[in-house]
Structure formats: C-alpha cells, structure tokens
Amino acid sequence: MSECPHVPELPRLELDPLSDTCLECQAIGSDYVHLRLCLGCGHVGCCDSSPHRHASRHFEDTGHPVMRSFEPGESWRWCFIDQQIV
C-alpha cells in the first residue's frame, strides 16, 4: 500500500472515537452495515454499503480525507480524495 499525501496531514495520535455507533443512523432509526472512523476528527459513520452512507457524507461535508474501518479486527484506511487504501 502506498501512502497518499493526506496521511502525513493526520493528527499524530489517532483520535478517540466521538461515539461507538453511527449517531446519524441512530437518530433516524436506521440500520447500518459497518462503521468507519474519521481520522481527522473521530466522527463515526456508516459505510457505503449502508443505506445512508454517513461516513462518505461526513467527508463531503468536512473534507476530512482519511478514514479507517471501525470494525473489530480491521485496521485498513481509505483516502476519499485519492480513492485508495492507504
């Protein structure tokens, strides 16, 4: 995996998650498939396989480019700008 230029811009230490679930889904009573953690601010949102795609919407709203899986045992990261695993 090659590192995109957005990875060095991340906070040095990973931020604590702001929640343990997708609060947007919870607020509207929707289910989600998997969770993603924004590495820019700690927002937790649902993945693109979920009905409302809150992690992608968070990127669109904030411009925070890199997230990682928030699923147990997974640590891969995704850059929305470069469209690649980093």
C-alpha atoms as a PDB file:
ATOM      1  CA  MET A   1       0.000   0.000   0.000  1.00  0.00           C
ATOM      2  CA  SER A   2       1.377   3.371  -0.943  1.00  0.00           C
ATOM      3  CA  GLU A   3       0.748   6.366   1.253  1.00  0.00           C
ATOM      4  CA  CYS A   4      -1.192   9.230  -0.197  1.00  0.00           C
ATOM      5  CA  PRO A   5      -0.159  12.806   0.638  1.00  0.00           C
ATOM      6  CA  HIS A   6      -3.089  13.119   3.059  1.00  0.00           C
ATOM      7  CA  VAL A   7      -1.800  10.567   5.577  1.00  0.00           C
ATOM      8  CA  PRO A   8       1.057  12.776   6.890  1.00  0.00           C
ATOM      9  CA  GLU A   9      -1.515  15.545   7.499  1.00  0.00           C
ATOM     10  CA  LEU A  10      -3.399  13.402  10.035  1.00  0.00           C
ATOM     11  CA  PRO A  11      -3.044  14.032  13.769  1.00  0.00           C
ATOM     12  CA  ARG A  12      -0.004  12.187  15.112  1.00  0.00           C
ATOM     13  CA  LEU A  13      -2.057  10.162  17.561  1.00  0.00           C
ATOM     14  CA  GLU A  14      -5.319   8.599  16.498  1.00  0.00           C
ATOM     15  CA  LEU A  15      -8.232  10.493  17.958  1.00  0.00           C
ATOM     16  CA  ASP A  16     -10.705   8.831  20.286  1.00  0.00           C
ATOM     17  CA  PRO A  17     -13.977   7.988  18.539  1.00  0.00           C
ATOM     18  CA  LEU A  18     -16.725  10.505  19.246  1.00  0.00           C
ATOM     19  CA  SER A  19     -19.199   7.619  19.621  1.00  0.00           C
ATOM     20  CA  ASP A  20     -19.387   3.857  19.349  1.00  0.00           C
ATOM     21  CA  THR A  21     -22.038   3.874  16.626  1.00  0.00           C
ATOM     22  CA  CYS A  22     -23.315   5.947  13.715  1.00  0.00           C
ATOM     23  CA  LEU A  23     -25.226   8.635  15.578  1.00  0.00           C
ATOM     24  CA  GLU A  24     -26.904   9.828  12.373  1.00  0.00           C
ATOM     25  CA  CYS A  25     -28.365   6.353  11.763  1.00  0.00           C
ATOM     26  CA  GLN A  26     -29.343   6.084  15.411  1.00  0.00           C
ATOM     27  CA  ALA A  27     -31.154   9.438  15.257  1.00  0.00           C
ATOM     28  CA  ILE A  28     -33.309   8.362  12.312  1.00  0.00           C
ATOM     29  CA  GLY A  29     -33.776   4.767  13.432  1.00  0.00           C
ATOM     30  CA  SER A  30     -31.842   3.305  10.502  1.00  0.00           C
ATOM     31  CA  ASP A  31     -29.680   0.205  10.443  1.00  0.00           C
ATOM     32  CA  TYR A  32     -26.125   0.200   9.119  1.00  0.00           C
ATOM     33  CA  VAL A  33     -23.791  -2.446   7.722  1.00  0.00           C
ATOM     34  CA  HIS A  34     -20.325  -1.433   9.006  1.00  0.00           C
ATOM     35  CA  LEU A  35     -18.774   1.577  10.735  1.00  0.00           C
ATOM     36  CA  ARG A  36     -15.947   3.898   9.689  1.00  0.00           C
ATOM     37  CA  LEU A  37     -13.858   6.261  11.850  1.00  0.00           C
ATOM     38  CA  CYS A  38     -12.753   9.655  10.540  1.00  0.00           C
ATOM     39  CA  LEU A  39      -9.051  10.027  11.305  1.00  0.00           C
ATOM     40  CA  GLY A  40      -9.335  13.808  11.133  1.00  0.00           C
ATOM     41  CA  CYS A  41     -11.854  14.337  13.924  1.00  0.00           C
ATOM     42  CA  GLY A  42     -13.063  10.996  15.362  1.00  0.00           C
ATOM     43  CA  HIS A  43     -16.538  11.023  13.780  1.00  0.00           C
ATOM     44  CA  VAL A  44     -18.050   7.541  13.439  1.00  0.00           C
ATOM     45  CA  GLY A  45     -20.270   6.982  10.409  1.00  0.00           C
ATOM     46  CA  CYS A  46     -21.771   4.108   8.479  1.00  0.00           C
ATOM     47  CA  CYS A  47     -20.111   2.650   5.383  1.00  0.00           C
ATOM     48  CA  ASP A  48     -21.149   2.976   1.739  1.00  0.00           C
ATOM     49  CA  SER A  49     -22.929  -0.391   1.889  1.00  0.00           C
ATOM     50  CA  SER A  50     -25.279   1.146   4.448  1.00  0.00           C
ATOM     51  CA  PRO A  51     -28.441   2.935   3.270  1.00  0.00           C
ATOM     52  CA  HIS A  52     -27.327   6.457   4.236  1.00  0.00           C
ATOM     53  CA  ARG A  53     -23.536   6.360   3.713  1.00  0.00           C
ATOM     54  CA  HIS A  54     -22.818   8.731   6.626  1.00  0.00           C
ATOM     55  CA  ALA A  55     -19.018   8.261   6.531  1.00  0.00           C
ATOM     56  CA  SER A  56     -18.933   9.446   2.904  1.00  0.00           C
ATOM     57  CA  ARG A  57     -21.343  12.272   3.717  1.00  0.00           C
ATOM     58  CA  HIS A  58     -19.024  13.315   6.538  1.00  0.00           C
ATOM     59  CA  PHE A  59     -16.162  13.560   4.033  1.00  0.00           C
ATOM     60  CA  GLU A  60     -18.345  15.565   1.629  1.00  0.00           C
ATOM     61  CA  ASP A  61     -19.372  17.945   4.443  1.00  0.00           C
ATOM     62  CA  THR A  62     -15.961  18.381   6.102  1.00  0.00           C
ATOM     63  CA  GLY A  63     -13.303  17.474   3.551  1.00  0.00           C
ATOM     64  CA  HIS A  64     -11.598  15.172   6.079  1.00  0.00           C
ATOM     65  CA  PRO A  65      -9.947  12.816   3.587  1.00  0.00           C
ATOM     66  CA  VAL A  66      -8.895   9.682   5.501  1.00  0.00           C
ATOM     67  CA  MET A  67     -10.978   7.203   7.469  1.00  0.00           C
ATOM     68  CA  ARG A  68     -10.394   3.717   8.764  1.00  0.00           C
ATOM     69  CA  SER A  69     -12.575   0.732   9.407  1.00  0.00           C
ATOM     70  CA  PHE A  70     -14.149   0.860  12.854  1.00  0.00           C
ATOM     71  CA  GLU A  71     -14.890  -2.867  12.798  1.00  0.00           C
ATOM     72  CA  PRO A  72     -13.212  -5.161  15.348  1.00  0.00           C
ATOM     73  CA  GLY A  73     -10.031  -6.710  13.960  1.00  0.00           C
ATOM     74  CA  GLU A  74      -9.814  -4.360  10.957  1.00  0.00           C
ATOM     75  CA  SER A  75      -7.320  -1.516  10.631  1.00  0.00           C
ATOM     76  CA  TRP A  76      -7.316  -0.589   6.929  1.00  0.00           C
ATOM     77  CA  ARG A  77      -7.589   3.079   5.978  1.00  0.00           C
ATOM     78  CA  TRP A  78      -9.207   4.736   2.956  1.00  0.00           C
ATOM     79  CA  CYS A  79      -8.474   8.106   1.375  1.00  0.00           C
ATOM     80  CA  PHE A  80     -11.612   9.564  -0.198  1.00  0.00           C
ATOM     81  CA  ILE A  81      -9.629  12.035  -2.313  1.00  0.00           C
ATOM     82  CA  ASP A  82      -7.150   9.562  -3.776  1.00  0.00           C
ATOM     83  CA  GLN A  83      -9.717   6.724  -3.837  1.00  0.00           C
ATOM     84  CA  GLN A  84      -7.219   4.237  -2.449  1.00  0.00           C
ATOM     85  CA  ILE A  85      -6.434   2.141   0.586  1.00  0.00           C
ATOM     86  CA  VAL A  86      -3.579   3.808   2.456  1.00  0.00           C
END
